Amino acid sequence: MLRAERHEQVLRSAMEVFAQKGYHATSVGDIIRRAAVARGTFYLYFENKRQIFEAILDMALRGIVRRLRRIEVAPGSPPPLEQLRDNVGRIIAYLLSERELTQILLRHAEGLDPEFDRRVSEFYEAIVDLIESSLQSGQLILLVRPCHTQIVASCILGSVKEVMARLTSSVSRVPDIDVVVDEIVNFGLHGIFLDPALGKGT
């Protein structure tokens, strides 16, 4: 097996164990047994379980960034809303396909210790920055209403986190991904009122 493949095997095994047992209850021995590798092999790639956990966070951020595309408005480009939906669809599909990774991010990454909390906070700040940048780009092309982009970006992140927490922890059948994406996009675009005027009061 190639070195990169072995690294991936150890990393994937760690994700499975962390998702199942949590960070503190997981030992290097647990990861080694799941990966079916020698202890020395583990230490070829990672100094300790903390380093492999941080590598998982880095992998998650890279995975999300790779799936975001800038919305184009040049002639011949797809409609901006279609591009927005595609962005959301790629990220949701990624998070659902990486179920253990998503469970780690949402249920096991926070509250480990102050240093880890800082690392996780930086991770989510980076996600908020990505969303905020997309909102600001949307404002430039008149796709997004004037708003406090940082607050709205935090709202978007919070709602998606809750949806994904429920979908990845549920034992029932996950709704079709198109349904999930449509509801997230429609909620972001229209809120919950059938008629926007109803939200203004009398």
C-alpha atoms as a PDB file:
ATOM      1  CA  MET A   1       0.000   0.000   0.000  1.00  0.00           C
ATOM      2  CA  LEU A   2       1.314   3.451  -0.916  1.00  0.00           C
ATOM      3  CA  ARG A   3       2.259   5.874   1.869  1.00  0.00           C
ATOM      4  CA  ALA A   4      -0.577   8.268   0.966  1.00  0.00           C
ATOM      5  CA  GLU A   5      -3.084   5.394   0.993  1.00  0.00           C
ATOM      6  CA  ARG A   6      -1.871   4.227   4.409  1.00  0.00           C
ATOM      7  CA  HIS A   7      -2.139   7.779   5.741  1.00  0.00           C
ATOM      8  CA  GLU A   8      -5.728   7.952   4.452  1.00  0.00           C
ATOM      9  CA  GLN A   9      -6.506   4.563   6.026  1.00  0.00           C
ATOM     10  CA  VAL A  10      -5.303   5.686   9.453  1.00  0.00           C
ATOM     11  CA  LEU A  11      -7.114   9.013   9.158  1.00  0.00           C
ATOM     12  CA  ARG A  12     -10.394   7.368   8.122  1.00  0.00           C
ATOM     13  CA  SER A  13     -10.140   4.847  10.936  1.00  0.00           C
ATOM     14  CA  ALA A  14      -9.602   7.650  13.438  1.00  0.00           C
ATOM     15  CA  MET A  15     -12.695   9.435  12.121  1.00  0.00           C
ATOM     16  CA  GLU A  16     -14.801   6.313  12.659  1.00  0.00           C
ATOM     17  CA  VAL A  17     -13.586   5.846  16.222  1.00  0.00           C
ATOM     18  CA  PHE A  18     -13.858   9.528  17.183  1.00  0.00           C
ATOM     19  CA  ALA A  19     -17.414   9.663  15.808  1.00  0.00           C
ATOM     20  CA  GLN A  20     -18.367   6.554  17.767  1.00  0.00           C
ATOM     21  CA  LYS A  21     -16.586   7.137  21.092  1.00  0.00           C
ATOM     22  CA  GLY A  22     -15.714  10.832  21.226  1.00  0.00           C
ATOM     23  CA  TYR A  23     -12.266  12.346  21.604  1.00  0.00           C
ATOM     24  CA  HIS A  24     -11.496  11.658  25.272  1.00  0.00           C
ATOM     25  CA  ALA A  25     -12.706   8.051  25.211  1.00  0.00           C
ATOM     26  CA  THR A  26     -10.629   7.259  22.130  1.00  0.00           C
ATOM     27  CA  SER A  27      -7.070   6.028  22.497  1.00  0.00           C
ATOM     28  CA  VAL A  28      -4.309   5.619  19.942  1.00  0.00           C
ATOM     29  CA  GLY A  29      -4.741   1.887  20.494  1.00  0.00           C
ATOM     30  CA  ASP A  30      -8.386   2.128  19.395  1.00  0.00           C
ATOM     31  CA  ILE A  31      -7.337   3.834  16.168  1.00  0.00           C
ATOM     32  CA  ILE A  32      -4.572   1.308  15.518  1.00  0.00           C
ATOM     33  CA  ARG A  33      -6.934  -1.624  15.982  1.00  0.00           C
ATOM     34  CA  ARG A  34      -9.560  -0.085  13.706  1.00  0.00           C
ATOM     35  CA  ALA A  35      -6.935   0.648  11.032  1.00  0.00           C
ATOM     36  CA  ALA A  36      -5.272  -2.756  11.466  1.00  0.00           C
ATOM     37  CA  VAL A  37      -1.786  -1.227  11.430  1.00  0.00           C
ATOM     38  CA  ALA A  38       1.231  -1.457  13.694  1.00  0.00           C
ATOM     39  CA  ARG A  39       1.753   1.183  16.378  1.00  0.00           C
ATOM     40  CA  GLY A  40       4.912   2.299  14.610  1.00  0.00           C
ATOM     41  CA  THR A  41       2.923   2.882  11.434  1.00  0.00           C
ATOM     42  CA  PHE A  42       0.581   5.245  13.270  1.00  0.00           C
ATOM     43  CA  TYR A  43       3.511   7.311  14.547  1.00  0.00           C
ATOM     44  CA  LEU A  44       4.962   7.584  11.066  1.00  0.00           C
ATOM     45  CA  TYR A  45       2.072   9.895  10.250  1.00  0.00           C
ATOM     46  CA  PHE A  46       0.878  11.405  13.543  1.00  0.00           C
ATOM     47  CA  GLU A  47       2.547  12.294  16.817  1.00  0.00           C
ATOM     48  CA  ASN A  48      -0.558  11.645  18.919  1.00  0.00           C
ATOM     49  CA  LYS A  49      -4.352  11.537  18.751  1.00  0.00           C
ATOM     50  CA  ARG A  50      -4.533  15.308  19.121  1.00  0.00           C
ATOM     51  CA  GLN A  51      -2.604  15.805  15.902  1.00  0.00           C
ATOM     52  CA  ILE A  52      -4.807  13.383  13.986  1.00  0.00           C
ATOM     53  CA  PHE A  53      -7.911  15.115  15.334  1.00  0.00           C
ATOM     54  CA  GLU A  54      -6.593  18.460  14.094  1.00  0.00           C
ATOM     55  CA  ALA A  55      -5.860  16.848  10.718  1.00  0.00           C
ATOM     56  CA  ILE A  56      -9.525  15.839  10.558  1.00  0.00           C
ATOM     57  CA  LEU A  57     -10.597  19.451  11.155  1.00  0.00           C
ATOM     58  CA  ASP A  58      -8.229  20.619   8.415  1.00  0.00           C
ATOM     59  CA  MET A  59      -9.626  17.999   6.035  1.00  0.00           C
ATOM     60  CA  ALA A  60     -13.169  19.192   6.732  1.00  0.00           C
ATOM     61  CA  LEU A  61     -12.318  22.818   5.975  1.00  0.00           C
ATOM     62  CA  ARG A  62     -10.501  21.910   2.766  1.00  0.00           C
ATOM     63  CA  GLY A  63     -13.421  19.743   1.698  1.00  0.00           C
ATOM     64  CA  ILE A  64     -15.871  22.609   2.141  1.00  0.00           C
ATOM     65  CA  VAL A  65     -13.639  25.197   0.444  1.00  0.00           C
ATOM     66  CA  ARG A  66     -13.092  22.934  -2.592  1.00  0.00           C
ATOM     67  CA  ARG A  67     -16.843  22.729  -3.140  1.00  0.00           C
ATOM     68  CA  LEU A  68     -17.549  26.453  -3.096  1.00  0.00           C
ATOM     69  CA  ARG A  69     -17.629  28.235  -6.433  1.00  0.00           C
ATOM     70  CA  ARG A  70     -17.751  31.965  -7.048  1.00  0.00           C
ATOM     71  CA  ILE A  71     -21.094  33.004  -8.526  1.00  0.00           C
ATOM     72  CA  GLU A  72     -20.509  34.255 -12.058  1.00  0.00           C
ATOM     73  CA  VAL A  73     -22.660  36.837 -13.839  1.00  0.00           C
ATOM     74  CA  ALA A  74     -20.826  36.885 -17.163  1.00  0.00           C
ATOM     75  CA  PRO A  75     -22.895  36.347 -20.332  1.00  0.00           C
ATOM     76  CA  GLY A  76     -23.644  32.668 -20.758  1.00  0.00           C
ATOM     77  CA  SER A  77     -23.307  31.862 -17.071  1.00  0.00           C
ATOM     78  CA  PRO A  78     -26.100  29.874 -15.383  1.00  0.00           C
ATOM     79  CA  PRO A  79     -28.635  31.942 -13.399  1.00  0.00           C
ATOM     80  CA  PRO A  80     -27.140  33.107 -10.059  1.00  0.00           C
ATOM     81  CA  LEU A  81     -29.795  31.254  -8.023  1.00  0.00           C
ATOM     82  CA  GLU A  82     -28.933  28.049  -9.845  1.00  0.00           C
ATOM     83  CA  GLN A  83     -25.262  28.572  -9.000  1.00  0.00           C
ATOM     84  CA  LEU A  84     -26.192  29.270  -5.368  1.00  0.00           C
ATOM     85  CA  ARG A  85     -28.219  26.077  -5.186  1.00  0.00           C
ATOM     86  CA  ASP A  86     -25.335  24.124  -6.717  1.00  0.00           C
ATOM     87  CA  ASN A  87     -22.976  25.485  -4.045  1.00  0.00           C
ATOM     88  CA  VAL A  88     -25.347  24.447  -1.273  1.00  0.00           C
ATOM     89  CA  GLY A  89     -25.927  21.083  -2.925  1.00  0.00           C
ATOM     90  CA  ARG A  90     -22.220  20.261  -3.158  1.00  0.00           C
ATOM     91  CA  ILE A  91     -21.618  21.125   0.496  1.00  0.00           C
ATOM     92  CA  ILE A  92     -24.651  19.218   1.795  1.00  0.00           C
ATOM     93  CA  ALA A  93     -23.738  16.200  -0.332  1.00  0.00           C
ATOM     94  CA  TYR A  94     -20.192  16.330   1.056  1.00  0.00           C
ATOM     95  CA  LEU A  95     -21.326  16.545   4.682  1.00  0.00           C
ATOM     96  CA  LEU A  96     -23.805  13.697   4.237  1.00  0.00           C
ATOM     97  CA  SER A  97     -21.257  11.518   2.457  1.00  0.00           C
ATOM     98  CA  GLU A  98     -18.742  12.172   5.252  1.00  0.00           C
ATOM     99  CA  ARG A  99     -21.128  11.222   8.056  1.00  0.00           C
ATOM    100  CA  GLU A 100     -18.437  10.495  10.672  1.00  0.00           C
ATOM    101  CA  LEU A 101     -16.637  13.724   9.864  1.00  0.00           C
ATOM    102  CA  THR A 102     -19.842  15.735  10.238  1.00  0.00           C
ATOM    103  CA  GLN A 103     -20.672  14.051  13.545  1.00  0.00           C
ATOM    104  CA  ILE A 104     -17.209  14.893  14.860  1.00  0.00           C
ATOM    105  CA  LEU A 105     -17.542  18.540  13.867  1.00  0.00           C
ATOM    106  CA  LEU A 106     -21.000  18.934  15.390  1.00  0.00           C
ATOM    107  CA  ARG A 107     -20.855  16.740  18.483  1.00  0.00           C
ATOM    108  CA  HIS A 108     -17.280  16.031  19.530  1.00  0.00           C
ATOM    109  CA  ALA A 109     -15.087  18.962  18.517  1.00  0.00           C
ATOM    110  CA  GLU A 110     -16.066  21.575  21.105  1.00  0.00           C
ATOM    111  CA  GLY A 111     -15.467  21.617  24.856  1.00  0.00           C
ATOM    112  CA  LEU A 112     -12.368  19.395  24.823  1.00  0.00           C
ATOM    113  CA  ASP A 113      -9.988  21.974  26.286  1.00  0.00           C
ATOM    114  CA  PRO A 114      -9.251  25.695  25.785  1.00  0.00           C
ATOM    115  CA  GLU A 115      -6.714  25.088  23.026  1.00  0.00           C
ATOM    116  CA  PHE A 116      -9.061  22.822  21.119  1.00  0.00           C
ATOM    117  CA  ASP A 117     -11.915  25.273  21.592  1.00  0.00           C
ATOM    118  CA  ARG A 118      -9.726  27.962  20.045  1.00  0.00           C
ATOM    119  CA  ARG A 119      -8.917  25.667  17.117  1.00  0.00           C
ATOM    120  CA  VAL A 120     -12.576  24.781  16.556  1.00  0.00           C
ATOM    121  CA  SER A 121     -13.558  28.447  16.896  1.00  0.00           C
ATOM    122  CA  GLU A 122     -11.022  29.330  14.199  1.00  0.00           C
ATOM    123  CA  PHE A 123     -12.504  26.603  11.994  1.00  0.00           C
ATOM    124  CA  TYR A 124     -16.029  28.013  12.274  1.00  0.00           C
ATOM    125  CA  GLU A 125     -14.757  31.578  11.892  1.00  0.00           C
ATOM    126  CA  ALA A 126     -13.184  30.517   8.612  1.00  0.00           C
ATOM    127  CA  ILE A 127     -16.541  29.084   7.482  1.00  0.00           C
ATOM    128  CA  VAL A 128     -18.356  32.290   8.496  1.00  0.00           C
ATOM    129  CA  ASP A 129     -15.772  34.295   6.545  1.00  0.00           C
ATOM    130  CA  LEU A 130     -16.427  32.154   3.452  1.00  0.00           C
ATOM    131  CA  ILE A 131     -20.178  32.652   3.751  1.00  0.00           C
ATOM    132  CA  GLU A 132     -19.792  36.373   4.424  1.00  0.00           C
ATOM    133  CA  SER A 133     -17.584  36.756   1.367  1.00  0.00           C
ATOM    134  CA  SER A 134     -20.235  35.011  -0.726  1.00  0.00           C
ATOM    135  CA  LEU A 135     -22.926  37.320   0.670  1.00  0.00           C
ATOM    136  CA  GLN A 136     -20.857  40.395  -0.127  1.00  0.00           C
ATOM    137  CA  SER A 137     -20.315  39.134  -3.678  1.00  0.00           C
ATOM    138  CA  GLY A 138     -24.059  38.583  -3.914  1.00  0.00           C
ATOM    139  CA  GLN A 139     -24.687  42.163  -2.837  1.00  0.00           C
ATOM    140  CA  LEU A 140     -22.397  43.448  -5.571  1.00  0.00           C
ATOM    141  CA  ILE A 141     -24.449  41.687  -8.224  1.00  0.00           C
ATOM    142  CA  LEU A 142     -27.745  42.693  -6.535  1.00  0.00           C
ATOM    143  CA  LEU A 143     -28.598  39.091  -5.640  1.00  0.00           C
ATOM    144  CA  VAL A 144     -28.438  39.636  -1.859  1.00  0.00           C
ATOM    145  CA  ARG A 145     -30.342  42.372  -0.004  1.00  0.00           C
ATOM    146  CA  PRO A 146     -28.435  44.967   2.070  1.00  0.00           C
ATOM    147  CA  CYS A 147     -27.713  43.354   5.421  1.00  0.00           C
ATOM    148  CA  HIS A 148     -25.144  42.886   8.184  1.00  0.00           C
ATOM    149  CA  THR A 149     -23.268  40.141   6.364  1.00  0.00           C
ATOM    150  CA  GLN A 150     -21.466  38.766   9.411  1.00  0.00           C
ATOM    151  CA  ILE A 151     -24.694  38.294  11.369  1.00  0.00           C
ATOM    152  CA  VAL A 152     -26.474  36.750   8.390  1.00  0.00           C
ATOM    153  CA  ALA A 153     -23.489  34.473   7.728  1.00  0.00           C
ATOM    154  CA  SER A 154     -23.680  33.268  11.345  1.00  0.00           C
ATOM    155  CA  CYS A 155     -27.420  32.619  10.934  1.00  0.00           C
ATOM    156  CA  ILE A 156     -26.776  30.559   7.816  1.00  0.00           C
ATOM    157  CA  LEU A 157     -24.039  28.538   9.490  1.00  0.00           C
ATOM    158  CA  GLY A 158     -26.161  27.921  12.581  1.00  0.00           C
ATOM    159  CA  SER A 159     -29.171  26.714  10.635  1.00  0.00           C
ATOM    160  CA  VAL A 160     -27.122  24.397   8.426  1.00  0.00           C
ATOM    161  CA  LYS A 161     -25.312  22.981  11.478  1.00  0.00           C
ATOM    162  CA  GLU A 162     -28.623  22.117  13.135  1.00  0.00           C
ATOM    163  CA  VAL A 163     -30.007  20.502   9.985  1.00  0.00           C
ATOM    164  CA  MET A 164     -26.870  18.417   9.518  1.00  0.00           C
ATOM    165  CA  ALA A 165     -26.752  17.435  13.202  1.00  0.00           C
ATOM    166  CA  ARG A 166     -30.250  16.018  12.929  1.00  0.00           C
ATOM    167  CA  LEU A 167     -29.708  14.319   9.589  1.00  0.00           C
ATOM    168  CA  THR A 168     -26.461  12.623  10.582  1.00  0.00           C
ATOM    169  CA  SER A 169     -27.672  11.488  14.002  1.00  0.00           C
ATOM    170  CA  SER A 170     -31.112  10.276  12.899  1.00  0.00           C
ATOM    171  CA  VAL A 171     -31.726   6.545  12.552  1.00  0.00           C
ATOM    172  CA  SER A 172     -34.652   7.239  10.264  1.00  0.00           C
ATOM    173  CA  ARG A 173     -34.329   7.648   6.507  1.00  0.00           C
ATOM    174  CA  VAL A 174     -32.636  10.870   5.455  1.00  0.00           C
ATOM    175  CA  PRO A 175     -34.812  12.934   3.073  1.00  0.00           C
ATOM    176  CA  ASP A 176     -33.741  13.078  -0.542  1.00  0.00           C
ATOM    177  CA  ILE A 177     -30.800  15.450  -0.854  1.00  0.00           C
ATOM    178  CA  ASP A 178     -32.679  17.621  -3.368  1.00  0.00           C
ATOM    179  CA  VAL A 179     -35.380  18.166  -0.751  1.00  0.00           C
ATOM    180  CA  VAL A 180     -32.793  19.121   1.862  1.00  0.00           C
ATOM    181  CA  VAL A 181     -31.045  21.553  -0.481  1.00  0.00           C
ATOM    182  CA  ASP A 182     -34.294  23.117  -1.705  1.00  0.00           C
ATOM    183  CA  GLU A 183     -35.574  23.717   1.826  1.00  0.00           C
ATOM    184  CA  ILE A 184     -32.292  25.260   2.984  1.00  0.00           C
ATOM    185  CA  VAL A 185     -32.137  27.549  -0.064  1.00  0.00           C
ATOM    186  CA  ASN A 186     -35.821  28.479   0.108  1.00  0.00           C
ATOM    187  CA  PHE A 187     -35.612  29.230   3.814  1.00  0.00           C
ATOM    188  CA  GLY A 188     -32.636  31.483   3.157  1.00  0.00           C
ATOM    189  CA  LEU A 189     -34.413  33.235   0.308  1.00  0.00           C
ATOM    190  CA  HIS A 190     -37.969  33.496   1.613  1.00  0.00           C
ATOM    191  CA  GLY A 191     -38.078  32.690   5.329  1.00  0.00           C
ATOM    192  CA  ILE A 192     -41.339  31.049   6.421  1.00  0.00           C
ATOM    193  CA  PHE A 193     -44.125  33.475   5.378  1.00  0.00           C
ATOM    194  CA  LEU A 194     -46.239  32.670   2.339  1.00  0.00           C
ATOM    195  CA  ASP A 195     -46.586  36.413   1.749  1.00  0.00           C
ATOM    196  CA  PRO A 196     -43.628  38.602   2.836  1.00  0.00           C
ATOM    197  CA  ALA A 197     -46.104  41.351   3.704  1.00  0.00           C
ATOM    198  CA  LEU A 198     -47.454  39.184   6.533  1.00  0.00           C
ATOM    199  CA  GLY A 199     -44.226  39.624   8.404  1.00  0.00           C
ATOM    200  CA  LYS A 200     -44.561  43.404   8.561  1.00  0.00           C
ATOM    201  CA  GLY A 201     -47.505  43.516  10.951  1.00  0.00           C
ATOM    202  CA  THR A 202     -50.381  45.966  10.685  1.00  0.00           C
END
